N, C-alpha and C. Protein backbone atom coordinates (compact mmCIF):
# COMPACT_ATOMS: atom_id res chain seq x y z
N MET A 1 0.11 10.85 -17.72
CA MET A 1 -0.81 11.21 -16.66
C MET A 1 -0.07 11.32 -15.33
N ALA A 2 -0.50 12.25 -14.51
CA ALA A 2 0.11 12.41 -13.20
C ALA A 2 -0.21 11.21 -12.32
N MET A 3 0.75 10.80 -11.53
CA MET A 3 0.55 9.68 -10.62
C MET A 3 -0.16 10.15 -9.36
N LYS A 4 -1.19 9.41 -8.95
CA LYS A 4 -1.88 9.68 -7.70
C LYS A 4 -1.49 8.63 -6.68
N GLY A 5 -1.66 8.95 -5.42
CA GLY A 5 -1.37 8.01 -4.35
C GLY A 5 -2.63 7.63 -3.60
N ALA A 6 -2.68 6.39 -3.15
CA ALA A 6 -3.81 5.92 -2.35
C ALA A 6 -3.31 4.99 -1.27
N ILE A 7 -3.75 5.22 -0.05
CA ILE A 7 -3.38 4.37 1.08
C ILE A 7 -4.60 3.54 1.46
N LEU A 8 -4.41 2.23 1.52
CA LEU A 8 -5.52 1.32 1.82
C LEU A 8 -5.62 1.08 3.32
N ALA A 9 -6.74 1.50 3.89
CA ALA A 9 -6.96 1.31 5.32
C ALA A 9 -8.37 0.77 5.56
N GLY A 10 -8.90 0.04 4.59
CA GLY A 10 -10.30 -0.35 4.66
C GLY A 10 -10.58 -1.67 5.33
N GLY A 11 -9.55 -2.41 5.72
CA GLY A 11 -9.76 -3.73 6.30
C GLY A 11 -10.34 -3.68 7.70
N ARG A 12 -10.84 -4.83 8.13
CA ARG A 12 -11.45 -4.91 9.47
C ARG A 12 -10.43 -5.14 10.57
N ALA A 13 -9.18 -5.45 10.21
CA ALA A 13 -8.10 -5.67 11.18
C ALA A 13 -8.52 -6.67 12.25
N SER A 14 -9.11 -7.78 11.82
CA SER A 14 -9.63 -8.76 12.77
C SER A 14 -8.54 -9.35 13.64
N ARG A 15 -7.32 -9.51 13.08
CA ARG A 15 -6.21 -10.04 13.88
C ARG A 15 -5.62 -8.98 14.80
N PHE A 16 -6.04 -7.73 14.62
CA PHE A 16 -5.56 -6.63 15.46
C PHE A 16 -6.65 -6.17 16.42
N GLY A 17 -7.61 -7.05 16.66
CA GLY A 17 -8.70 -6.73 17.58
C GLY A 17 -9.66 -5.70 17.05
N GLY A 18 -9.65 -5.49 15.74
CA GLY A 18 -10.56 -4.52 15.13
C GLY A 18 -10.12 -3.08 15.29
N GLU A 19 -8.97 -2.85 15.90
CA GLU A 19 -8.48 -1.49 16.11
C GLU A 19 -7.80 -0.97 14.84
N PRO A 20 -7.80 0.34 14.63
CA PRO A 20 -7.13 0.91 13.45
C PRO A 20 -5.61 0.84 13.60
N LYS A 21 -5.01 -0.20 13.06
CA LYS A 21 -3.60 -0.48 13.34
C LYS A 21 -2.67 0.59 12.79
N GLY A 22 -3.07 1.30 11.75
CA GLY A 22 -2.22 2.34 11.22
C GLY A 22 -2.05 3.53 12.14
N LEU A 23 -2.85 3.58 13.20
CA LEU A 23 -2.72 4.68 14.16
C LEU A 23 -1.75 4.35 15.28
N ASP A 24 -1.30 3.10 15.35
CA ASP A 24 -0.26 2.75 16.32
C ASP A 24 1.07 3.37 15.89
N LYS A 25 1.97 3.49 16.84
CA LYS A 25 3.23 4.17 16.58
C LYS A 25 4.39 3.18 16.48
N VAL A 26 5.29 3.49 15.58
CA VAL A 26 6.56 2.78 15.45
C VAL A 26 7.65 3.83 15.48
N GLY A 27 8.59 3.68 16.38
CA GLY A 27 9.63 4.69 16.52
C GLY A 27 9.07 6.04 16.91
N GLY A 28 7.96 6.03 17.66
CA GLY A 28 7.36 7.27 18.14
C GLY A 28 6.50 8.00 17.13
N GLU A 29 6.27 7.40 15.96
CA GLU A 29 5.50 8.05 14.90
C GLU A 29 4.42 7.10 14.40
N ARG A 30 3.23 7.61 14.17
CA ARG A 30 2.16 6.74 13.70
C ARG A 30 2.52 6.11 12.35
N ILE A 31 2.11 4.86 12.18
CA ILE A 31 2.38 4.17 10.91
C ILE A 31 1.74 4.93 9.76
N LEU A 32 0.51 5.40 9.95
CA LEU A 32 -0.18 6.16 8.91
C LEU A 32 0.65 7.36 8.47
N ASP A 33 1.19 8.10 9.42
CA ASP A 33 1.99 9.28 9.08
C ASP A 33 3.24 8.89 8.30
N ARG A 34 3.83 7.78 8.67
CA ARG A 34 5.02 7.31 7.96
C ARG A 34 4.70 7.01 6.49
N VAL A 35 3.59 6.29 6.29
CA VAL A 35 3.22 5.91 4.92
C VAL A 35 2.83 7.15 4.11
N VAL A 36 2.10 8.07 4.72
CA VAL A 36 1.71 9.31 4.03
C VAL A 36 2.96 10.07 3.58
N GLN A 37 3.94 10.17 4.44
CA GLN A 37 5.16 10.89 4.08
C GLN A 37 5.86 10.26 2.89
N ALA A 38 5.94 8.92 2.87
CA ALA A 38 6.61 8.24 1.77
C ALA A 38 5.86 8.41 0.46
N VAL A 39 4.53 8.26 0.51
CA VAL A 39 3.73 8.39 -0.71
C VAL A 39 3.74 9.83 -1.22
N THR A 40 3.62 10.78 -0.32
CA THR A 40 3.63 12.19 -0.72
C THR A 40 4.96 12.58 -1.35
N ALA A 41 6.05 12.08 -0.80
CA ALA A 41 7.37 12.39 -1.36
C ALA A 41 7.52 11.82 -2.76
N ALA A 42 6.90 10.67 -3.03
CA ALA A 42 7.03 10.03 -4.33
C ALA A 42 6.10 10.62 -5.38
N THR A 43 4.94 11.12 -4.97
CA THR A 43 3.94 11.60 -5.93
C THR A 43 3.77 13.12 -5.94
N ASP A 44 4.41 13.79 -4.99
CA ASP A 44 4.37 15.26 -4.89
C ASP A 44 3.02 15.81 -4.46
N GLU A 45 2.16 14.96 -3.91
CA GLU A 45 0.90 15.45 -3.35
C GLU A 45 0.36 14.42 -2.37
N PRO A 46 -0.46 14.86 -1.41
CA PRO A 46 -0.98 13.91 -0.42
C PRO A 46 -1.85 12.85 -1.09
N PRO A 47 -1.82 11.63 -0.57
CA PRO A 47 -2.65 10.56 -1.13
C PRO A 47 -4.08 10.66 -0.65
N ILE A 48 -4.96 9.90 -1.30
CA ILE A 48 -6.29 9.70 -0.74
C ILE A 48 -6.20 8.52 0.22
N LEU A 49 -7.14 8.46 1.15
CA LEU A 49 -7.16 7.40 2.14
C LEU A 49 -8.42 6.57 1.93
N ILE A 50 -8.23 5.30 1.56
CA ILE A 50 -9.36 4.40 1.37
C ILE A 50 -9.66 3.77 2.73
N ALA A 51 -10.76 4.17 3.34
CA ALA A 51 -11.07 3.72 4.70
C ALA A 51 -12.58 3.71 4.91
N ASN A 52 -13.04 2.78 5.73
CA ASN A 52 -14.47 2.62 5.97
C ASN A 52 -14.90 3.00 7.38
N ALA A 53 -13.95 3.24 8.27
CA ALA A 53 -14.31 3.57 9.65
C ALA A 53 -15.04 4.90 9.72
N ASP A 54 -16.00 4.98 10.62
CA ASP A 54 -16.80 6.21 10.75
C ASP A 54 -15.96 7.42 11.11
N ASP A 55 -14.88 7.21 11.85
CA ASP A 55 -14.06 8.33 12.30
C ASP A 55 -12.80 8.51 11.45
N ALA A 56 -12.75 7.90 10.28
CA ALA A 56 -11.54 7.94 9.46
C ALA A 56 -11.14 9.37 9.08
N SER A 57 -12.12 10.24 8.95
CA SER A 57 -11.81 11.62 8.57
C SER A 57 -11.03 12.36 9.65
N THR A 58 -11.02 11.84 10.87
CA THR A 58 -10.29 12.49 11.97
C THR A 58 -8.86 11.95 12.10
N TRP A 59 -8.53 10.91 11.37
CA TRP A 59 -7.21 10.29 11.53
C TRP A 59 -6.11 11.21 11.05
N LYS A 60 -6.34 11.86 9.93
CA LYS A 60 -5.37 12.81 9.39
C LYS A 60 -6.17 13.77 8.53
N GLU A 61 -6.47 14.93 9.08
CA GLU A 61 -7.52 15.77 8.52
C GLU A 61 -7.18 16.38 7.17
N ASP A 62 -5.91 16.35 6.76
CA ASP A 62 -5.58 16.90 5.45
C ASP A 62 -5.72 15.89 4.33
N LEU A 63 -6.17 14.67 4.64
CA LEU A 63 -6.37 13.66 3.62
C LEU A 63 -7.85 13.54 3.25
N THR A 64 -8.10 13.28 1.97
CA THR A 64 -9.45 12.99 1.51
C THR A 64 -9.72 11.51 1.77
N VAL A 65 -10.81 11.23 2.49
CA VAL A 65 -11.17 9.85 2.82
C VAL A 65 -12.24 9.36 1.85
N VAL A 66 -12.01 8.18 1.29
CA VAL A 66 -12.95 7.58 0.35
C VAL A 66 -13.31 6.19 0.86
N PRO A 67 -14.58 5.91 1.15
CA PRO A 67 -14.96 4.56 1.57
C PRO A 67 -15.03 3.61 0.37
N ASP A 68 -14.92 2.33 0.63
CA ASP A 68 -14.99 1.34 -0.43
C ASP A 68 -16.28 1.48 -1.22
N VAL A 69 -16.18 1.49 -2.54
CA VAL A 69 -17.38 1.53 -3.37
C VAL A 69 -18.02 0.16 -3.46
N ARG A 70 -17.23 -0.89 -3.19
CA ARG A 70 -17.75 -2.26 -3.12
C ARG A 70 -17.30 -2.86 -1.80
N PRO A 71 -18.00 -2.55 -0.70
CA PRO A 71 -17.56 -3.03 0.62
C PRO A 71 -17.52 -4.54 0.69
N GLY A 72 -16.64 -5.03 1.56
CA GLY A 72 -16.56 -6.46 1.80
C GLY A 72 -15.79 -7.24 0.75
N CYS A 73 -15.02 -6.54 -0.08
CA CYS A 73 -14.28 -7.21 -1.16
C CYS A 73 -12.78 -7.25 -0.90
N GLY A 74 -12.39 -7.01 0.34
CA GLY A 74 -10.99 -7.12 0.70
C GLY A 74 -10.10 -6.07 0.05
N SER A 75 -8.82 -6.39 -0.01
CA SER A 75 -7.85 -5.44 -0.55
C SER A 75 -8.11 -5.14 -2.03
N LEU A 76 -8.60 -6.15 -2.76
CA LEU A 76 -8.89 -5.91 -4.18
C LEU A 76 -9.98 -4.86 -4.32
N GLY A 77 -10.94 -4.88 -3.42
CA GLY A 77 -11.97 -3.84 -3.42
C GLY A 77 -11.39 -2.47 -3.14
N GLY A 78 -10.36 -2.42 -2.30
CA GLY A 78 -9.70 -1.15 -2.02
C GLY A 78 -8.96 -0.62 -3.24
N ILE A 79 -8.31 -1.51 -3.97
CA ILE A 79 -7.63 -1.10 -5.20
C ILE A 79 -8.65 -0.59 -6.21
N PHE A 80 -9.77 -1.29 -6.31
CA PHE A 80 -10.83 -0.87 -7.23
C PHE A 80 -11.36 0.51 -6.85
N THR A 81 -11.52 0.74 -5.57
CA THR A 81 -12.00 2.04 -5.09
C THR A 81 -11.01 3.14 -5.45
N ALA A 82 -9.72 2.86 -5.28
CA ALA A 82 -8.70 3.85 -5.62
C ALA A 82 -8.78 4.21 -7.10
N LEU A 83 -8.90 3.19 -7.96
CA LEU A 83 -8.97 3.44 -9.40
C LEU A 83 -10.28 4.13 -9.79
N SER A 84 -11.33 3.90 -9.01
CA SER A 84 -12.62 4.54 -9.29
C SER A 84 -12.66 5.99 -8.84
N SER A 85 -11.69 6.38 -8.01
CA SER A 85 -11.71 7.71 -7.40
C SER A 85 -10.90 8.73 -8.17
N VAL A 86 -9.99 8.27 -9.03
CA VAL A 86 -9.13 9.19 -9.78
C VAL A 86 -9.03 8.73 -11.22
N GLU A 87 -8.86 9.67 -12.12
CA GLU A 87 -8.67 9.35 -13.53
C GLU A 87 -7.17 9.37 -13.84
N ALA A 88 -6.46 8.45 -13.24
CA ALA A 88 -5.00 8.45 -13.36
C ALA A 88 -4.47 7.12 -12.83
N PRO A 89 -3.23 6.78 -13.15
CA PRO A 89 -2.60 5.64 -12.48
C PRO A 89 -2.45 5.93 -11.00
N VAL A 90 -2.52 4.87 -10.21
CA VAL A 90 -2.52 5.03 -8.76
C VAL A 90 -1.40 4.22 -8.12
N LEU A 91 -0.63 4.87 -7.28
CA LEU A 91 0.35 4.21 -6.44
C LEU A 91 -0.38 3.77 -5.17
N VAL A 92 -0.55 2.48 -5.01
CA VAL A 92 -1.32 1.93 -3.89
C VAL A 92 -0.37 1.37 -2.84
N VAL A 93 -0.59 1.75 -1.58
CA VAL A 93 0.22 1.23 -0.49
C VAL A 93 -0.69 0.91 0.69
N ALA A 94 -0.53 -0.26 1.28
CA ALA A 94 -1.27 -0.61 2.49
C ALA A 94 -0.78 0.24 3.65
N TRP A 95 -1.70 0.55 4.55
CA TRP A 95 -1.34 1.48 5.63
C TRP A 95 -0.64 0.82 6.81
N ASP A 96 -0.35 -0.47 6.69
CA ASP A 96 0.29 -1.16 7.81
C ASP A 96 1.74 -1.51 7.52
N MET A 97 2.36 -0.77 6.59
CA MET A 97 3.78 -0.98 6.25
C MET A 97 4.60 0.20 6.77
N PRO A 98 5.11 0.12 7.99
CA PRO A 98 5.78 1.29 8.58
C PRO A 98 7.11 1.65 7.94
N PHE A 99 7.70 0.75 7.16
CA PHE A 99 9.05 1.02 6.64
C PHE A 99 9.10 1.22 5.13
N VAL A 100 7.95 1.29 4.48
CA VAL A 100 7.96 1.54 3.04
C VAL A 100 8.63 2.89 2.80
N SER A 101 9.48 2.97 1.78
CA SER A 101 10.29 4.17 1.60
C SER A 101 9.93 4.91 0.33
N SER A 102 10.16 6.21 0.34
CA SER A 102 9.92 7.01 -0.86
C SER A 102 10.84 6.59 -2.00
N GLN A 103 12.05 6.12 -1.68
CA GLN A 103 12.97 5.66 -2.71
C GLN A 103 12.38 4.47 -3.47
N LEU A 104 11.82 3.52 -2.74
CA LEU A 104 11.18 2.37 -3.37
C LEU A 104 9.99 2.81 -4.21
N LEU A 105 9.15 3.67 -3.66
CA LEU A 105 7.94 4.11 -4.37
C LEU A 105 8.29 4.90 -5.62
N THR A 106 9.34 5.70 -5.54
CA THR A 106 9.79 6.45 -6.71
C THR A 106 10.26 5.51 -7.81
N ALA A 107 10.93 4.43 -7.43
CA ALA A 107 11.39 3.44 -8.41
C ALA A 107 10.21 2.74 -9.08
N LEU A 108 9.16 2.49 -8.33
CA LEU A 108 7.96 1.88 -8.90
C LEU A 108 7.31 2.81 -9.92
N ILE A 109 7.20 4.07 -9.57
CA ILE A 109 6.61 5.04 -10.48
C ILE A 109 7.44 5.16 -11.76
N ALA A 110 8.75 5.13 -11.61
CA ALA A 110 9.63 5.27 -12.77
C ALA A 110 9.53 4.08 -13.72
N GLY A 111 9.19 2.91 -13.19
CA GLY A 111 9.22 1.70 -14.01
C GLY A 111 7.90 1.23 -14.56
N TRP A 112 6.81 1.84 -14.17
CA TRP A 112 5.49 1.27 -14.47
C TRP A 112 5.00 1.52 -15.88
N LYS A 113 5.53 2.49 -16.59
CA LYS A 113 4.86 3.02 -17.79
C LYS A 113 4.62 2.02 -18.91
N SER A 114 5.36 0.94 -18.98
CA SER A 114 5.14 -0.07 -20.02
C SER A 114 4.14 -1.15 -19.59
N TYR A 115 3.54 -0.96 -18.42
CA TYR A 115 2.68 -2.00 -17.85
C TYR A 115 1.36 -1.41 -17.38
N ASP A 116 0.44 -2.31 -17.02
CA ASP A 116 -0.82 -1.90 -16.38
C ASP A 116 -0.70 -2.03 -14.87
N VAL A 117 0.10 -2.99 -14.43
CA VAL A 117 0.38 -3.21 -13.01
C VAL A 117 1.89 -3.33 -12.86
N TYR A 118 2.44 -2.65 -11.87
CA TYR A 118 3.89 -2.73 -11.64
C TYR A 118 4.12 -2.92 -10.15
N LEU A 119 4.71 -4.08 -9.79
CA LEU A 119 4.84 -4.47 -8.40
C LEU A 119 6.28 -4.80 -8.06
N PRO A 120 6.67 -4.56 -6.82
CA PRO A 120 8.04 -4.88 -6.42
C PRO A 120 8.19 -6.36 -6.07
N GLU A 121 9.29 -6.96 -6.52
CA GLU A 121 9.57 -8.32 -6.11
C GLU A 121 9.96 -8.33 -4.63
N SER A 122 9.71 -9.47 -3.99
CA SER A 122 9.99 -9.58 -2.56
C SER A 122 10.32 -11.02 -2.22
N ASN A 123 10.61 -11.25 -0.95
CA ASN A 123 10.83 -12.60 -0.45
C ASN A 123 9.56 -13.22 0.11
N GLY A 124 8.42 -12.56 -0.11
CA GLY A 124 7.15 -13.05 0.40
C GLY A 124 6.64 -14.25 -0.36
N PRO A 125 5.52 -14.82 0.08
CA PRO A 125 5.00 -16.06 -0.52
C PRO A 125 4.65 -15.94 -2.00
N LEU A 126 4.24 -14.75 -2.45
CA LEU A 126 3.91 -14.55 -3.85
C LEU A 126 5.15 -14.23 -4.71
N GLY A 127 6.20 -13.80 -4.03
CA GLY A 127 7.38 -13.36 -4.76
C GLY A 127 7.31 -11.90 -5.16
N PHE A 128 6.22 -11.24 -4.83
CA PHE A 128 6.04 -9.82 -5.09
C PHE A 128 4.99 -9.30 -4.12
N GLU A 129 4.85 -7.96 -4.07
CA GLU A 129 3.96 -7.34 -3.10
C GLU A 129 2.80 -6.62 -3.80
N PRO A 130 1.59 -7.20 -3.81
CA PRO A 130 0.47 -6.57 -4.51
C PRO A 130 -0.09 -5.32 -3.83
N LEU A 131 0.23 -5.12 -2.55
CA LEU A 131 -0.29 -3.95 -1.84
C LEU A 131 0.76 -2.86 -1.69
N CYS A 132 1.70 -2.85 -2.63
CA CYS A 132 2.69 -1.78 -2.72
C CYS A 132 3.08 -1.69 -4.18
N GLY A 133 2.26 -1.02 -4.98
CA GLY A 133 2.54 -1.00 -6.41
C GLY A 133 1.70 0.01 -7.16
N VAL A 134 1.93 0.07 -8.46
CA VAL A 134 1.22 1.01 -9.33
C VAL A 134 0.18 0.25 -10.15
N TYR A 135 -1.02 0.80 -10.18
CA TYR A 135 -2.13 0.23 -10.95
C TYR A 135 -2.63 1.28 -11.93
N GLY A 136 -2.61 0.93 -13.21
CA GLY A 136 -3.09 1.85 -14.24
C GLY A 136 -4.59 1.77 -14.43
N PRO A 137 -5.18 2.77 -15.10
CA PRO A 137 -6.64 2.82 -15.29
C PRO A 137 -7.21 1.60 -16.00
N THR A 138 -6.42 0.95 -16.86
CA THR A 138 -6.89 -0.23 -17.58
C THR A 138 -7.33 -1.34 -16.63
N CYS A 139 -6.76 -1.37 -15.45
CA CYS A 139 -7.06 -2.44 -14.49
C CYS A 139 -8.50 -2.39 -13.98
N LYS A 140 -9.10 -1.22 -13.99
CA LYS A 140 -10.38 -1.05 -13.32
C LYS A 140 -11.45 -2.02 -13.83
N ALA A 141 -11.63 -2.09 -15.14
CA ALA A 141 -12.69 -2.95 -15.70
C ALA A 141 -12.42 -4.41 -15.39
N HIS A 142 -11.15 -4.81 -15.44
CA HIS A 142 -10.82 -6.21 -15.19
C HIS A 142 -10.99 -6.55 -13.70
N ILE A 143 -10.66 -5.62 -12.82
CA ILE A 143 -10.91 -5.85 -11.40
C ILE A 143 -12.40 -5.96 -11.14
N GLN A 144 -13.19 -5.12 -11.79
CA GLN A 144 -14.64 -5.18 -11.61
C GLN A 144 -15.17 -6.55 -12.02
N GLU A 145 -14.67 -7.10 -13.10
CA GLU A 145 -15.09 -8.44 -13.53
C GLU A 145 -14.76 -9.47 -12.46
N ALA A 146 -13.58 -9.35 -11.86
CA ALA A 146 -13.19 -10.29 -10.80
C ALA A 146 -14.10 -10.15 -9.59
N LEU A 147 -14.40 -8.91 -9.21
CA LEU A 147 -15.28 -8.69 -8.07
C LEU A 147 -16.68 -9.23 -8.34
N ASP A 148 -17.13 -9.10 -9.58
CA ASP A 148 -18.47 -9.60 -9.93
C ASP A 148 -18.57 -11.11 -9.77
N THR A 149 -17.44 -11.79 -9.94
CA THR A 149 -17.44 -13.24 -9.77
C THR A 149 -17.00 -13.66 -8.36
N GLU A 150 -16.85 -12.67 -7.48
CA GLU A 150 -16.46 -12.89 -6.09
C GLU A 150 -15.07 -13.52 -5.97
N ASP A 151 -14.22 -13.21 -6.92
CA ASP A 151 -12.82 -13.63 -6.83
C ASP A 151 -12.04 -12.44 -6.29
N TYR A 152 -11.75 -12.46 -5.00
CA TYR A 152 -11.18 -11.31 -4.31
C TYR A 152 -9.66 -11.38 -4.18
N ARG A 153 -9.03 -12.33 -4.85
CA ARG A 153 -7.57 -12.39 -4.81
C ARG A 153 -6.98 -11.14 -5.46
N THR A 154 -5.94 -10.62 -4.89
CA THR A 154 -5.34 -9.41 -5.46
C THR A 154 -4.72 -9.66 -6.82
N THR A 155 -4.51 -10.92 -7.15
CA THR A 155 -3.92 -11.28 -8.45
C THR A 155 -4.97 -11.81 -9.43
N SER A 156 -6.23 -11.76 -9.07
CA SER A 156 -7.27 -12.43 -9.84
C SER A 156 -7.39 -11.94 -11.28
N PHE A 157 -7.00 -10.72 -11.55
CA PHE A 157 -7.16 -10.12 -12.88
C PHE A 157 -5.85 -10.02 -13.65
N HIS A 158 -4.78 -10.53 -13.10
CA HIS A 158 -3.46 -10.33 -13.69
C HIS A 158 -3.33 -10.91 -15.09
N GLU A 159 -4.03 -12.01 -15.39
CA GLU A 159 -3.89 -12.61 -16.71
C GLU A 159 -4.47 -11.72 -17.81
N ALA A 160 -5.29 -10.76 -17.41
CA ALA A 160 -5.95 -9.89 -18.40
C ALA A 160 -5.20 -8.59 -18.65
N VAL A 161 -4.12 -8.35 -17.92
CA VAL A 161 -3.39 -7.08 -18.04
C VAL A 161 -1.90 -7.35 -18.14
N ARG A 162 -1.16 -6.29 -18.43
CA ARG A 162 0.31 -6.38 -18.50
C ARG A 162 0.88 -6.14 -17.11
N VAL A 163 1.53 -7.15 -16.58
CA VAL A 163 2.08 -7.07 -15.23
C VAL A 163 3.61 -7.02 -15.32
N GLY A 164 4.19 -6.02 -14.69
CA GLY A 164 5.64 -5.91 -14.61
C GLY A 164 6.09 -5.94 -13.16
N ARG A 165 7.37 -6.25 -12.98
CA ARG A 165 7.91 -6.32 -11.62
C ARG A 165 9.21 -5.53 -11.51
N LEU A 166 9.32 -4.80 -10.43
CA LEU A 166 10.58 -4.15 -10.10
C LEU A 166 11.51 -5.23 -9.56
N PRO A 167 12.64 -5.50 -10.24
CA PRO A 167 13.51 -6.60 -9.83
C PRO A 167 13.98 -6.47 -8.39
N LEU A 168 14.21 -7.62 -7.78
CA LEU A 168 14.57 -7.64 -6.36
C LEU A 168 15.86 -6.88 -6.09
N ASP A 169 16.79 -6.89 -7.03
CA ASP A 169 18.04 -6.16 -6.77
C ASP A 169 17.79 -4.66 -6.73
N GLN A 170 16.81 -4.17 -7.50
CA GLN A 170 16.47 -2.76 -7.44
C GLN A 170 15.67 -2.43 -6.18
N VAL A 171 14.86 -3.38 -5.74
CA VAL A 171 14.17 -3.21 -4.46
C VAL A 171 15.19 -3.11 -3.33
N THR A 172 16.18 -3.99 -3.38
CA THR A 172 17.20 -4.03 -2.33
C THR A 172 18.01 -2.75 -2.28
N ALA A 173 18.10 -2.06 -3.42
CA ALA A 173 18.81 -0.77 -3.44
C ALA A 173 18.11 0.25 -2.55
N ALA A 174 16.80 0.06 -2.32
CA ALA A 174 16.03 0.96 -1.47
C ALA A 174 15.98 0.50 -0.02
N GLY A 175 16.47 -0.71 0.25
CA GLY A 175 16.45 -1.21 1.62
C GLY A 175 16.27 -2.72 1.65
N ASN A 176 16.37 -3.28 2.83
CA ASN A 176 16.13 -4.71 3.02
C ASN A 176 14.68 -5.02 2.70
N PRO A 177 14.38 -5.88 1.71
CA PRO A 177 12.99 -6.15 1.35
C PRO A 177 12.16 -6.65 2.53
N ASP A 178 12.76 -7.45 3.41
CA ASP A 178 12.00 -7.99 4.53
C ASP A 178 11.57 -6.88 5.49
N THR A 179 12.35 -5.80 5.52
CA THR A 179 11.97 -4.64 6.35
C THR A 179 11.02 -3.72 5.60
N LEU A 180 11.33 -3.43 4.35
CA LEU A 180 10.49 -2.54 3.55
C LEU A 180 9.03 -3.01 3.54
N PHE A 181 8.84 -4.34 3.43
CA PHE A 181 7.49 -4.87 3.29
C PHE A 181 6.95 -5.47 4.58
N PHE A 182 7.65 -5.21 5.68
CA PHE A 182 7.13 -5.67 6.97
C PHE A 182 5.77 -5.03 7.22
N ASN A 183 4.79 -5.86 7.54
CA ASN A 183 3.46 -5.28 7.79
C ASN A 183 2.94 -5.73 9.14
N VAL A 184 2.15 -4.87 9.73
CA VAL A 184 1.62 -5.08 11.07
C VAL A 184 0.27 -5.79 10.98
N ASN A 185 0.20 -6.99 11.53
CA ASN A 185 -1.05 -7.73 11.54
C ASN A 185 -1.62 -7.95 12.93
N VAL A 186 -0.72 -8.17 13.90
CA VAL A 186 -1.12 -8.40 15.28
C VAL A 186 -0.36 -7.44 16.18
N HIS A 187 -0.82 -7.30 17.42
CA HIS A 187 -0.20 -6.33 18.34
C HIS A 187 1.28 -6.61 18.55
N GLU A 188 1.67 -7.89 18.54
CA GLU A 188 3.08 -8.22 18.75
C GLU A 188 3.97 -7.66 17.65
N ASP A 189 3.38 -7.44 16.48
CA ASP A 189 4.16 -6.90 15.37
C ASP A 189 4.63 -5.47 15.63
N ILE A 190 3.93 -4.75 16.49
CA ILE A 190 4.35 -3.39 16.82
C ILE A 190 5.69 -3.43 17.55
N GLN A 191 5.82 -4.38 18.49
CA GLN A 191 7.09 -4.52 19.21
C GLN A 191 8.20 -4.90 18.24
N THR A 192 7.92 -5.82 17.34
CA THR A 192 8.93 -6.22 16.35
C THR A 192 9.33 -5.03 15.49
N ALA A 193 8.33 -4.24 15.07
CA ALA A 193 8.61 -3.07 14.24
C ALA A 193 9.47 -2.06 14.99
N ASP A 194 9.18 -1.87 16.27
CA ASP A 194 10.01 -0.95 17.07
C ASP A 194 11.45 -1.43 17.15
N GLU A 195 11.63 -2.75 17.27
CA GLU A 195 12.98 -3.30 17.32
C GLU A 195 13.69 -3.07 15.99
N LEU A 196 12.98 -3.25 14.89
CA LEU A 196 13.56 -2.98 13.57
C LEU A 196 13.93 -1.51 13.43
N TRP A 197 13.06 -0.65 13.93
CA TRP A 197 13.32 0.79 13.84
C TRP A 197 14.57 1.15 14.64
N ARG A 198 14.70 0.59 15.85
CA ARG A 198 15.87 0.89 16.68
C ARG A 198 17.14 0.39 16.00
N ALA A 199 17.05 -0.79 15.38
CA ALA A 199 18.23 -1.32 14.68
C ALA A 199 18.65 -0.42 13.54
N GLN A 200 17.68 0.18 12.86
CA GLN A 200 17.98 1.10 11.76
C GLN A 200 18.62 2.38 12.25
N HIS A 201 18.28 2.79 13.46
CA HIS A 201 18.71 4.09 13.95
C HIS A 201 19.83 4.03 14.99
N GLN A 202 20.41 2.86 15.16
CA GLN A 202 21.55 2.75 16.05
C GLN A 202 22.73 3.51 15.46
N THR A 203 23.39 4.29 16.26
CA THR A 203 24.55 5.06 15.79
C THR A 203 25.82 4.35 16.20
N ALA A 204 26.79 4.44 15.34
CA ALA A 204 28.08 3.81 15.63
C ALA A 204 28.76 4.52 16.80
N PRO A 205 29.45 3.80 17.68
CA PRO A 205 30.13 4.43 18.83
C PRO A 205 31.28 5.32 18.37
């Protein structure tokens, strides 16, 4: 089956003052545009945008906007919406990761086929990144069961499916994991992201 892409932008961004954080710029370019470029390069077509804001259709007019089918269920609800919107495996990426790369996403797509969920390992608290990975159609029913019991953890259904991980050394081949998975939660993170971007683009004298 062809791989589809989905960008999750459905959160309330409470730590960001409720503003659409993916519309802020890093290195002079909107975070949303950066993520769209990476996902499109990996899947060969524009992703759908999972978003609940009334004006979401104006954020990037060439994207199809899909609101959460189960509002108020957090990121897991966004993943469920993505799987409910297409009859295919879905490459899911949160819209607040300005440095996610097409190389990393391509590696995820290449490795997922023996699994239902395929996630990159990281240095984060879980040891992997649930909002940057591939979710197969089999996950949908199990996620629905988790939502029905109000278990909104992104890992709540993992015991019921085959979960694989892209090893950290392969993630590192695509870039520094701490940078690849850097996500914007508060306004101060934009300044940090700009500093990371400048460090990446410094030219040797």
